Amino acid sequence: MPEVKCTVSNCEYWGVSNVCTADQILITAGPTAGKDKHGSGAERMNDTPVAISEHTYCWTMTPSELAELEEEDYVGDTTYTAGSA
């Protein structure tokens, strides 16, 4: 699997040097496009093209129990670029 970089530091899969440590990653065209966190059913999902990377959504993101997100750190939008996890 190619190396995936991610800066979401409160994700369970966030690793050293901003490397995603998830075995599988599911990225869709928005929060309503799919709910299978690691993409095992992705082959049955419809293709969902987008115009810009900000219209993509990383389903693999899982909040870490160890990380606390401060209110002032919250970005306010749940869309991430296609390389996010």
C-alpha atoms as a PDB file:
ATOM      1  CA  MET A   1       0.000   0.000   0.000  1.00  0.00           C
ATOM      2  CA  PRO A   2       1.338   3.460  -0.791  1.00  0.00           C
ATOM      3  CA  GLU A   3       2.279   5.720   2.084  1.00  0.00           C
ATOM      4  CA  VAL A   4      -0.645   7.978   3.000  1.00  0.00           C
ATOM      5  CA  LYS A   5       0.062  11.229   4.843  1.00  0.00           C
ATOM      6  CA  CYS A   6      -2.526  12.676   7.225  1.00  0.00           C
ATOM      7  CA  THR A   7      -2.386  15.590   9.661  1.00  0.00           C
ATOM      8  CA  VAL A   8      -5.469  14.658  11.724  1.00  0.00           C
ATOM      9  CA  SER A   9      -3.573  14.119  14.969  1.00  0.00           C
ATOM     10  CA  ASN A  10      -6.564  12.930  16.987  1.00  0.00           C
ATOM     11  CA  CYS A  11      -7.157   9.927  14.695  1.00  0.00           C
ATOM     12  CA  GLU A  12      -6.424   6.427  15.993  1.00  0.00           C
ATOM     13  CA  TYR A  13      -4.394   5.736  12.813  1.00  0.00           C
ATOM     14  CA  TRP A  14      -2.246   8.890  12.936  1.00  0.00           C
ATOM     15  CA  GLY A  15       1.412   7.933  13.119  1.00  0.00           C
ATOM     16  CA  VAL A  16       4.953   9.281  13.232  1.00  0.00           C
ATOM     17  CA  SER A  17       5.695  11.916  10.564  1.00  0.00           C
ATOM     18  CA  ASN A  18       1.953  12.235   9.800  1.00  0.00           C
ATOM     19  CA  VAL A  19       1.769   8.736   8.255  1.00  0.00           C
ATOM     20  CA  CYS A  20      -1.607   6.952   8.305  1.00  0.00           C
ATOM     21  CA  THR A  21      -1.210   3.474   9.829  1.00  0.00           C
ATOM     22  CA  ALA A  22      -4.598   2.033   8.747  1.00  0.00           C
ATOM     23  CA  ASP A  23      -4.459  -1.202   6.710  1.00  0.00           C
ATOM     24  CA  GLN A  24      -7.263  -0.013   4.416  1.00  0.00           C
ATOM     25  CA  ILE A  25      -8.681   3.446   3.756  1.00  0.00           C
ATOM     26  CA  LEU A  26     -12.072   4.490   2.405  1.00  0.00           C
ATOM     27  CA  ILE A  27     -12.460   7.947   0.866  1.00  0.00           C
ATOM     28  CA  THR A  28     -15.793   8.946  -0.652  1.00  0.00           C
ATOM     29  CA  ALA A  29     -17.403  11.966  -2.251  1.00  0.00           C
ATOM     30  CA  GLY A  30     -18.915  13.243   0.965  1.00  0.00           C
ATOM     31  CA  PRO A  31     -20.321  12.096   4.287  1.00  0.00           C
ATOM     32  CA  THR A  32     -23.436  10.434   2.835  1.00  0.00           C
ATOM     33  CA  ALA A  33     -21.665   8.410   0.143  1.00  0.00           C
ATOM     34  CA  GLY A  34     -20.717   5.394   2.295  1.00  0.00           C
ATOM     35  CA  LYS A  35     -20.274   4.133   5.831  1.00  0.00           C
ATOM     36  CA  ASP A  36     -17.907   1.154   5.562  1.00  0.00           C
ATOM     37  CA  LYS A  37     -14.942   2.626   7.465  1.00  0.00           C
ATOM     38  CA  HIS A  38     -12.237   0.581   5.751  1.00  0.00           C
ATOM     39  CA  GLY A  39     -13.690   0.036   2.309  1.00  0.00           C
ATOM     40  CA  SER A  40     -14.356  -3.718   2.353  1.00  0.00           C
ATOM     41  CA  GLY A  41     -17.626  -3.055   0.487  1.00  0.00           C
ATOM     42  CA  ALA A  42     -16.204  -0.360  -1.796  1.00  0.00           C
ATOM     43  CA  GLU A  43     -16.441  -2.568  -4.871  1.00  0.00           C
ATOM     44  CA  ARG A  44     -20.256  -2.455  -4.517  1.00  0.00           C
ATOM     45  CA  MET A  45     -20.404   1.333  -4.152  1.00  0.00           C
ATOM     46  CA  ASN A  46     -21.156   3.670  -7.048  1.00  0.00           C
ATOM     47  CA  ASP A  47     -18.368   5.784  -8.500  1.00  0.00           C
ATOM     48  CA  THR A  48     -18.676   9.305  -7.096  1.00  0.00           C
ATOM     49  CA  PRO A  49     -16.637  11.906  -8.990  1.00  0.00           C
ATOM     50  CA  VAL A  50     -15.948  15.292  -7.399  1.00  0.00           C
ATOM     51  CA  ALA A  51     -14.697  18.589  -8.800  1.00  0.00           C
ATOM     52  CA  ILE A  52     -12.278  19.490  -5.986  1.00  0.00           C
ATOM     53  CA  SER A  53     -10.474  17.600  -3.221  1.00  0.00           C
ATOM     54  CA  GLU A  54     -12.405  19.478  -0.506  1.00  0.00           C
ATOM     55  CA  HIS A  55     -15.499  17.496  -1.536  1.00  0.00           C
ATOM     56  CA  THR A  56     -13.961  14.222  -0.363  1.00  0.00           C
ATOM     57  CA  TYR A  57     -14.474  12.497   2.988  1.00  0.00           C
ATOM     58  CA  CYS A  58     -12.232  10.033   4.849  1.00  0.00           C
ATOM     59  CA  TRP A  59     -14.372   7.341   6.516  1.00  0.00           C
ATOM     60  CA  THR A  60     -11.346   5.650   8.090  1.00  0.00           C
ATOM     61  CA  MET A  61     -10.799   8.535  10.523  1.00  0.00           C
ATOM     62  CA  THR A  62     -11.477   7.182  14.002  1.00  0.00           C
ATOM     63  CA  PRO A  63     -11.037   9.512  16.995  1.00  0.00           C
ATOM     64  CA  SER A  64      -8.286   8.299  19.287  1.00  0.00           C
ATOM     65  CA  GLU A  65      -9.164   7.712  22.932  1.00  0.00           C
ATOM     66  CA  LEU A  66      -5.837   9.282  23.894  1.00  0.00           C
ATOM     67  CA  ALA A  67      -6.223  12.495  21.919  1.00  0.00           C
ATOM     68  CA  GLU A  68      -8.421  15.332  23.090  1.00  0.00           C
ATOM     69  CA  LEU A  69      -9.670  17.835  20.556  1.00  0.00           C
ATOM     70  CA  GLU A  70      -9.766  21.336  21.917  1.00  0.00           C
ATOM     71  CA  GLU A  71     -12.706  23.400  20.694  1.00  0.00           C
ATOM     72  CA  GLU A  72     -10.376  26.020  19.212  1.00  0.00           C
ATOM     73  CA  ASP A  73      -8.565  23.261  17.247  1.00  0.00           C
ATOM     74  CA  TYR A  74     -11.733  22.085  15.481  1.00  0.00           C
ATOM     75  CA  VAL A  75     -11.650  22.900  11.787  1.00  0.00           C
ATOM     76  CA  GLY A  76     -15.445  23.051  11.555  1.00  0.00           C
ATOM     77  CA  ASP A  77     -15.822  21.066   8.353  1.00  0.00           C
ATOM     78  CA  THR A  78     -15.647  17.272   8.146  1.00  0.00           C
ATOM     79  CA  THR A  79     -14.297  17.100   4.585  1.00  0.00           C
ATOM     80  CA  TYR A  80     -10.709  16.198   3.990  1.00  0.00           C
ATOM     81  CA  THR A  81      -8.501  15.949   0.947  1.00  0.00           C
ATOM     82  CA  ALA A  82      -8.268  12.648  -0.879  1.00  0.00           C
ATOM     83  CA  GLY A  83      -5.015  11.744   0.902  1.00  0.00           C
ATOM     84  CA  SER A  84      -6.483  12.119   4.376  1.00  0.00           C
ATOM     85  CA  ALA A  85      -7.230   9.283   6.778  1.00  0.00           C
END
